């Protein structure tokens, strides 16, 4: 999606409403600005609550976790 926006007299970036809605940008929402080649990238930072809403990619029980942790510790000691 490409939408035209403006830069204010003090250097403020005015993100068009369509983009704000698509990215879920609300007042106070934190974002990360980065530059890749000659492009400005703006990425919303997800809150803990937003991250916890996502389904986990893997599920392990506590026994599996402790076994993995012990094997990792043993490998690091070698």
Protein backbone atom coordinates (compact mmCIF):
# COMPACT_ATOMS: atom_id res chain seq x y z
CA UNK A 1 0.00 0.00 0.00
CA UNK A 2 1.32 3.43 -0.88
CA UNK A 3 -0.33 6.61 0.36
CA UNK A 4 1.01 10.15 0.17
CA UNK A 5 1.73 11.97 3.43
CA UNK A 6 3.37 15.18 4.58
CA UNK A 7 6.30 16.44 6.60
CA UNK A 8 5.39 19.37 8.84
CA UNK A 9 7.30 22.63 9.22
CA UNK A 10 9.09 21.25 12.31
CA UNK A 11 9.95 17.90 10.68
CA UNK A 12 6.92 16.01 12.03
CA UNK A 13 5.76 13.06 9.96
CA UNK A 14 2.03 12.91 9.39
CA UNK A 15 1.06 9.28 8.78
CA UNK A 16 -2.14 9.05 6.73
CA UNK A 17 -5.21 7.57 8.44
CA UNK A 18 -5.32 4.51 6.13
CA UNK A 19 -1.78 3.55 7.17
CA UNK A 20 -2.40 4.23 10.89
CA UNK A 21 -5.50 2.04 10.80
CA UNK A 22 -3.75 -0.78 8.92
CA UNK A 23 -0.86 -0.80 11.43
CA UNK A 24 -3.04 -0.22 14.49
CA UNK A 25 -1.24 3.04 15.33
CA UNK A 26 -3.10 4.88 18.06
CA UNK A 27 -1.99 7.91 20.12
CA UNK A 28 0.87 6.90 22.43
CA UNK A 29 1.73 3.72 20.45
CA UNK A 30 5.49 3.22 20.22
CA UNK A 31 7.16 2.56 16.86
CA UNK A 32 10.63 1.78 15.59
CA UNK A 33 12.07 3.95 12.82
CA UNK A 34 14.79 2.50 10.62
CA UNK A 35 16.38 3.38 7.29
CA UNK A 36 17.17 0.75 4.67
CA UNK A 37 18.96 2.15 1.65
CA UNK A 38 16.91 5.29 0.96
CA UNK A 39 13.63 4.13 2.54
CA UNK A 40 12.15 4.97 5.94
CA UNK A 41 10.64 1.94 7.67
CA UNK A 42 8.14 2.44 10.51
CA UNK A 43 7.22 -0.64 12.56
CA UNK A 44 4.83 -0.71 15.51
CA UNK A 45 6.22 -2.18 18.72
CA UNK A 46 3.88 -4.83 20.08
CA UNK A 47 2.83 -4.65 23.69
CA UNK A 48 3.13 -7.63 26.05
CA UNK A 49 -0.64 -8.06 25.81
CA UNK A 50 -0.50 -8.19 22.00
CA UNK A 51 2.32 -10.75 22.12
CA UNK A 52 0.43 -12.94 24.59
CA UNK A 53 -2.63 -12.99 22.31
CA UNK A 54 -0.67 -14.84 19.63
CA UNK A 55 -0.71 -18.63 19.62
CA UNK A 56 2.65 -20.09 20.64
CA UNK A 57 4.68 -21.61 17.80
CA UNK A 58 5.68 -24.56 19.98
CA UNK A 59 4.30 -25.96 23.19
CA UNK A 60 6.42 -27.93 25.66
CA UNK A 61 5.64 -29.10 29.14
CA UNK A 62 7.85 -28.37 32.13
CA UNK A 63 9.54 -31.80 31.99
CA UNK A 64 10.58 -31.24 28.36
CA UNK A 65 11.79 -27.74 29.24
CA UNK A 66 13.98 -28.99 32.11
CA UNK A 67 15.40 -31.83 30.00
CA UNK A 68 16.28 -29.37 27.23
CA UNK A 69 17.83 -26.95 29.73
CA UNK A 70 19.97 -29.72 31.27
CA UNK A 71 21.16 -30.96 27.87
CA UNK A 72 22.02 -27.43 26.83
CA UNK A 73 23.98 -26.88 30.06
CA UNK A 74 25.92 -30.12 29.49
CA UNK A 75 26.78 -29.07 25.92
CA UNK A 76 28.01 -25.68 27.11
CA UNK A 77 30.25 -27.29 29.76
CA UNK A 78 32.06 -29.45 27.18
